[in-house]
N, C-alpha and C. Protein backbone atom coordinates (compact mmCIF):
# COMPACT_ATOMS: atom_id res chain seq x y z
N MET A 1 1.16 -8.17 10.88
CA MET A 1 3.03 -7.05 10.56
C MET A 1 2.26 -6.79 10.37
N ILE A 2 1.85 -6.95 8.62
CA ILE A 2 1.65 -6.37 7.63
C ILE A 2 0.55 -5.63 7.07
N ASP A 3 -0.75 -4.61 6.79
CA ASP A 3 -1.90 -4.83 5.95
C ASP A 3 -1.52 -4.85 5.27
N TRP A 4 -0.87 -6.52 4.23
CA TRP A 4 -1.02 -6.07 2.39
C TRP A 4 -2.29 -6.00 1.86
N LYS A 5 -3.44 -6.28 2.69
CA LYS A 5 -4.30 -4.81 1.97
C LYS A 5 -3.88 -3.61 1.55
N ARG A 6 -3.46 -2.64 2.97
CA ARG A 6 -3.22 -1.53 2.60
C ARG A 6 -2.23 -0.97 1.47
N VAL A 7 -0.77 -1.87 1.46
CA VAL A 7 -0.33 -1.65 1.06
C VAL A 7 -0.45 -1.92 0.01
N ALA A 8 -0.76 -2.95 -1.16
CA ALA A 8 -1.85 -3.25 -2.36
C ALA A 8 -2.65 -1.89 -3.00
N GLU A 9 -2.85 -0.87 -1.80
CA GLU A 9 -3.53 0.17 -2.23
C GLU A 9 -3.01 0.99 -2.28
N LEU A 10 -2.27 1.65 -1.91
CA LEU A 10 -1.34 2.33 -2.05
C LEU A 10 -0.34 2.36 -3.29
N ARG A 11 -0.32 0.58 -3.77
CA ARG A 11 0.46 0.63 -5.54
C ARG A 11 -0.76 0.98 -6.33
N ASP A 12 -1.48 0.50 -5.73
CA ASP A 12 -2.46 1.20 -6.94
C ASP A 12 -2.32 2.48 -7.27
N GLU A 13 -2.54 3.37 -5.57
CA GLU A 13 -2.87 4.53 -6.25
C GLU A 13 -1.89 5.80 -6.94
N VAL A 14 -0.16 5.02 -6.03
CA VAL A 14 0.58 5.21 -7.02
C VAL A 14 1.79 5.36 -8.32
N GLY A 15 1.30 3.73 -8.85
CA GLY A 15 1.78 3.40 -9.79
C GLY A 15 3.55 2.90 -9.06
N GLU A 16 3.38 1.17 -10.11
CA GLU A 16 5.45 0.74 -9.87
C GLU A 16 5.92 1.82 -9.27
N ASP A 17 6.25 2.64 -10.50
CA ASP A 17 7.98 3.06 -9.94
C ASP A 17 7.16 3.55 -8.47
N GLY A 18 6.24 4.72 -8.59
CA GLY A 18 5.70 6.27 -7.30
C GLY A 18 5.67 5.30 -6.02
N PHE A 19 5.59 3.32 -6.81
CA PHE A 19 5.78 3.18 -4.49
C PHE A 19 6.90 2.50 -5.09
N ASP A 20 7.75 2.39 -5.71
CA ASP A 20 9.21 1.85 -5.06
C ASP A 20 9.82 3.66 -4.15
N GLU A 21 9.82 4.69 -5.00
CA GLU A 21 10.43 5.86 -4.51
C GLU A 21 9.70 5.75 -2.81
N ILE A 22 8.59 5.69 -3.02
CA ILE A 22 8.05 5.72 -1.01
C ILE A 22 8.55 4.76 -0.71
N ILE A 23 9.19 3.50 -1.34
CA ILE A 23 9.42 2.84 -0.14
C ILE A 23 10.44 2.98 0.22
N GLU A 24 11.60 3.62 -1.13
CA GLU A 24 12.77 3.91 0.05
C GLU A 24 12.67 5.38 0.33
N LEU A 25 11.70 6.63 0.72
CA LEU A 25 11.81 7.40 1.10
C LEU A 25 10.97 7.23 2.44
N PHE A 26 10.42 5.98 2.86
CA PHE A 26 9.51 5.89 3.68
C PHE A 26 11.05 4.77 4.91
N LEU A 27 11.82 3.79 4.59
CA LEU A 27 12.70 3.87 5.32
C LEU A 27 13.82 4.71 5.65
N GLU A 28 14.18 5.60 4.53
CA GLU A 28 14.99 6.63 5.11
C GLU A 28 15.14 7.36 5.98
N GLU A 29 13.48 7.36 5.87
CA GLU A 29 12.65 8.32 7.36
C GLU A 29 12.34 8.44 8.09
N VAL A 30 12.15 7.09 8.57
CA VAL A 30 11.47 6.46 9.35
C VAL A 30 12.51 6.47 10.34
N GLU A 31 13.55 5.63 9.84
CA GLU A 31 15.39 4.73 9.93
C GLU A 31 15.99 6.11 10.75
N SER A 32 15.73 7.11 10.02
CA SER A 32 16.32 8.79 10.99
C SER A 32 15.96 8.71 12.09
N ILE A 33 15.29 8.43 12.66
CA ILE A 33 14.07 8.77 13.38
C ILE A 33 14.82 7.55 14.87
N ILE A 34 14.11 6.03 13.84
CA ILE A 34 14.91 4.45 15.00
C ILE A 34 16.19 5.27 15.55
N ASP A 35 16.65 5.61 13.89
CA ASP A 35 18.38 5.55 14.71
C ASP A 35 18.74 6.18 15.70
N LEU A 36 18.69 7.75 16.19
CA LEU A 36 18.24 8.14 16.65
C LEU A 36 18.05 7.32 18.26
N PHE A 37 16.34 6.65 18.13
CA PHE A 37 15.99 6.67 20.01
C PHE A 37 17.16 4.45 20.05
N ARG A 38 17.43 4.16 18.43
CA ARG A 38 19.10 3.47 19.21
C ARG A 38 19.99 4.11 19.86
N ASP A 39 19.94 5.31 19.30
CA ASP A 39 21.56 5.98 20.15
C ASP A 39 21.07 6.59 20.96
N GLU A 40 19.80 6.22 21.95
CA GLU A 40 19.41 7.42 23.17
C GLU A 40 18.75 8.26 23.28
N THR A 41 18.65 8.76 21.67
CA THR A 41 18.66 10.73 21.82
C THR A 41 17.46 11.07 20.94
N GLY A 42 16.96 11.92 21.31
CA GLY A 42 15.38 12.46 20.60
C GLY A 42 14.70 12.71 20.72
N VAL A 43 14.94 11.45 22.48
CA VAL A 43 13.39 11.93 22.97
C VAL A 43 12.85 13.79 23.87
N ASP A 44 13.34 14.58 22.92
CA ASP A 44 13.08 16.03 23.79
C ASP A 44 12.31 15.90 22.85
N GLN A 45 11.53 14.88 21.79
CA GLN A 45 10.08 15.29 20.37
C GLN A 45 9.70 14.23 20.13
N LEU A 46 9.62 13.19 21.89
CA LEU A 46 9.55 12.72 21.59
C LEU A 46 7.47 12.16 20.88
N GLU A 47 6.78 12.69 21.23
CA GLU A 47 5.34 12.40 20.91
C GLU A 47 5.69 13.04 19.54
N ALA A 48 6.30 14.54 18.94
CA ALA A 48 6.18 14.57 16.72
C ALA A 48 6.80 13.18 17.01
N HIS A 49 7.90 12.52 17.40
CA HIS A 49 8.11 11.81 16.24
C HIS A 49 7.35 10.18 16.88
N MET A 50 6.52 10.32 17.33
CA MET A 50 6.09 9.09 17.87
C MET A 50 5.46 9.05 16.44
N HIS A 51 4.66 10.73 16.64
CA HIS A 51 3.23 11.14 15.83
C HIS A 51 3.84 10.68 14.28
N PHE A 52 5.47 11.08 13.65
CA PHE A 52 5.74 10.75 12.66
C PHE A 52 5.41 9.25 11.85
N LEU A 53 6.42 8.52 13.42
CA LEU A 53 6.39 7.62 12.85
C LEU A 53 4.93 6.57 12.67
N LYS A 54 4.60 6.74 13.10
CA LYS A 54 2.96 5.54 13.20
C LYS A 54 1.90 6.57 11.88
N GLY A 55 2.13 7.42 11.31
CA GLY A 55 1.13 8.06 9.71
C GLY A 55 2.60 7.60 8.52
N SER A 56 3.48 7.52 8.46
CA SER A 56 4.14 6.36 7.86
C SER A 56 4.07 5.02 8.47
N ALA A 57 4.29 4.63 9.79
CA ALA A 57 3.57 3.44 9.63
C ALA A 57 2.25 3.08 8.65
N LEU A 58 1.81 3.49 9.64
CA LEU A 58 0.41 3.33 8.72
C LEU A 58 -0.08 3.44 6.69
N ASN A 59 1.31 4.96 6.54
CA ASN A 59 0.45 4.34 4.91
C ASN A 59 1.60 3.76 4.14
N LEU A 60 2.33 2.25 4.85
CA LEU A 60 2.87 1.51 4.41
C LEU A 60 2.70 0.60 4.73
N GLY A 61 1.70 0.19 5.20
CA GLY A 61 1.10 -0.82 5.88
C GLY A 61 1.97 -1.47 7.37
N PHE A 62 2.80 -1.11 8.04
CA PHE A 62 3.27 -1.33 8.96
C PHE A 62 2.24 -1.32 9.90
N GLN A 63 0.73 -2.44 9.97
CA GLN A 63 0.49 -1.97 11.09
C GLN A 63 0.45 -2.06 12.31
N ASN A 64 0.79 -2.92 13.24
CA ASN A 64 2.14 -3.05 14.48
C ASN A 64 2.73 -2.17 14.80
N PHE A 65 3.44 -1.72 14.24
CA PHE A 65 4.43 -0.48 14.15
C PHE A 65 3.83 0.68 14.85
N ALA A 66 3.39 0.82 13.99
CA ALA A 66 1.62 2.06 13.79
C ALA A 66 1.42 2.97 15.02
N ASP A 67 0.54 0.98 15.25
CA ASP A 67 -0.34 0.96 16.85
C ASP A 67 0.42 0.89 17.91
N LEU A 68 1.96 0.60 18.14
CA LEU A 68 2.71 1.05 19.12
C LEU A 68 3.49 1.84 19.09
N CYS A 69 3.08 2.75 17.61
CA CYS A 69 3.64 4.44 17.94
C CYS A 69 2.45 5.01 18.45
N GLN A 70 0.99 4.40 18.61
CA GLN A 70 0.23 5.33 18.34
C GLN A 70 0.12 5.37 19.86
N ASN A 71 0.21 4.49 20.28
CA ASN A 71 0.33 4.36 22.46
C ASN A 71 1.13 5.70 22.68
N GLY A 72 3.04 4.67 22.08
CA GLY A 72 4.10 6.35 22.51
C GLY A 72 3.67 7.12 22.11
N GLU A 73 2.46 8.26 21.67
CA GLU A 73 2.71 8.80 20.68
C GLU A 73 1.68 9.48 22.40
N ILE A 74 0.97 8.64 22.51
CA ILE A 74 -0.49 9.25 23.44
C ILE A 74 0.55 9.32 25.31
N LEU A 75 0.81 8.50 25.41
CA LEU A 75 1.39 7.97 26.74
C LEU A 75 3.29 9.85 27.09
N ALA A 76 3.20 10.39 25.16
CA ALA A 76 3.99 11.30 25.51
C ALA A 76 3.81 12.45 24.95
N GLU A 77 2.04 12.73 25.03
CA GLU A 77 1.04 13.32 25.08
C GLU A 77 0.63 13.80 26.23
N GLN A 78 0.26 12.69 27.05
CA GLN A 78 -0.19 12.43 28.87
C GLN A 78 1.55 12.70 29.89
N GLY A 79 2.31 13.68 29.02
CA GLY A 79 3.56 13.14 30.16
C GLY A 79 4.15 12.02 30.42
N GLN A 80 4.20 11.52 29.61
CA GLN A 80 4.53 9.68 30.26
C GLN A 80 5.36 9.21 29.48
N GLY A 81 6.25 10.58 28.37
CA GLY A 81 7.44 9.46 28.11
C GLY A 81 8.09 8.66 28.11
N ASP A 82 8.45 8.59 29.22
CA ASP A 82 9.48 7.50 29.89
C ASP A 82 9.11 5.56 30.30
N GLU A 83 7.10 6.14 29.89
CA GLU A 83 6.70 5.07 30.06
C GLU A 83 7.24 4.49 28.84
N ILE A 84 7.61 4.92 27.29
CA ILE A 84 7.10 4.75 26.32
C ILE A 84 8.79 3.58 25.97
N ASP A 85 8.75 2.40 26.40
CA ASP A 85 9.51 0.66 25.83
C ASP A 85 10.25 1.15 24.09
N LEU A 86 11.13 2.51 23.75
CA LEU A 86 12.20 2.22 22.55
C LEU A 86 12.50 1.21 22.39
N ARG A 87 12.92 0.36 23.43
CA ARG A 87 13.76 -0.63 22.65
C ARG A 87 12.80 -1.30 22.12
N ALA A 88 11.46 -2.11 22.20
CA ALA A 88 10.20 -2.70 21.84
C ALA A 88 9.87 -1.45 20.43
N VAL A 89 9.80 -0.65 20.52
CA VAL A 89 9.81 0.45 20.20
C VAL A 89 10.45 -0.43 18.32
N VAL A 90 11.95 -0.30 18.52
CA VAL A 90 12.64 -0.20 17.26
C VAL A 90 12.82 -1.78 17.20
N GLU A 91 12.41 -2.48 17.92
CA GLU A 91 11.89 -3.94 17.29
C GLU A 91 11.42 -3.99 16.30
N CYS A 92 10.58 -3.53 17.79
CA CYS A 92 8.92 -3.88 16.80
C CYS A 92 9.25 -2.98 14.77
N TYR A 93 10.22 -2.48 14.40
CA TYR A 93 9.97 -1.54 13.69
C TYR A 93 10.89 -2.36 12.23
N ASP A 94 12.53 -3.14 13.50
CA ASP A 94 13.45 -4.04 12.30
C ASP A 94 12.48 -5.10 12.43
N LEU A 95 11.51 -5.86 12.72
CA LEU A 95 10.52 -7.04 12.47
C LEU A 95 10.49 -6.85 11.23
N SER A 96 9.24 -5.71 11.92
CA SER A 96 8.23 -5.62 10.38
C SER A 96 9.49 -5.23 9.66
N ARG A 97 10.10 -3.67 9.02
CA ARG A 97 10.95 -4.19 7.91
C ARG A 97 10.96 -5.56 7.96
N ALA A 98 11.62 -6.86 8.29
CA ALA A 98 13.15 -7.86 7.80
C ALA A 98 11.29 -8.31 7.22
N ASP A 99 10.35 -8.47 7.93
CA ASP A 99 8.59 -8.88 7.15
C ASP A 99 8.85 -8.46 5.55
N PHE A 100 8.49 -6.96 5.93
CA PHE A 100 8.16 -6.67 5.22
C PHE A 100 9.00 -6.48 3.08
N MET A 101 10.34 -6.11 3.83
CA MET A 101 10.60 -6.20 2.90
C MET A 101 11.28 -7.56 2.52
N ALA A 102 11.89 -8.86 2.82
CA ALA A 102 11.19 -10.39 2.88
C ALA A 102 10.11 -10.96 1.25
N GLN A 103 8.68 -10.42 1.94
CA GLN A 103 7.70 -10.69 1.36
C GLN A 103 7.37 -9.90 0.48
N ILE A 104 8.06 -8.66 -0.28
CA ILE A 104 6.90 -7.23 -0.56
C ILE A 104 7.21 -7.57 -2.36
N ALA A 105 8.73 -8.67 -2.69
CA ALA A 105 8.78 -8.94 -4.22
C ALA A 105 7.94 -10.45 -4.56
N GLN A 106 7.61 -11.34 -3.52
CA GLN A 106 6.66 -11.53 -4.09
C GLN A 106 5.43 -12.05 -4.08
N LYS A 107 4.70 -10.79 -3.03
CA LYS A 107 3.42 -10.42 -3.23
C LYS A 107 2.63 -9.68 -3.96
N PHE A 108 3.81 -9.29 -4.86
CA PHE A 108 3.21 -8.12 -6.27
C PHE A 108 4.37 -9.23 -8.05
N ALA A 109 4.48 -10.00 -7.59
CA ALA A 109 4.66 -10.87 -8.50
C ALA A 109 4.65 -10.73 -10.05
N ALA A 110 4.63 -10.48 -11.46
CA ALA A 110 3.69 -10.15 -11.73
C ALA A 110 3.64 -12.15 -12.45
């Protein structure tokens, strides 16, 4: 679900303080779009939302979530946005976030 190798690479690239800021920003920005999906709004910009979510997810190692968003982006690009299961996208994000938050401290304990 989480690509911990990618997470470690990012942490090494930006340092511990920068990494904490990136996590905070990632969660804030991604959850603003996820909230649109929860409310069943935001579908008018589905392709752009899926593209943004995919890129954000790849940067922080949320691999399964990124894959789901990439599939959604492709469907939206092809005019098949109504085939995207937004509940599955939200659920995958929630599970990925929970997994990430549960393990991040122990993965990088001193």
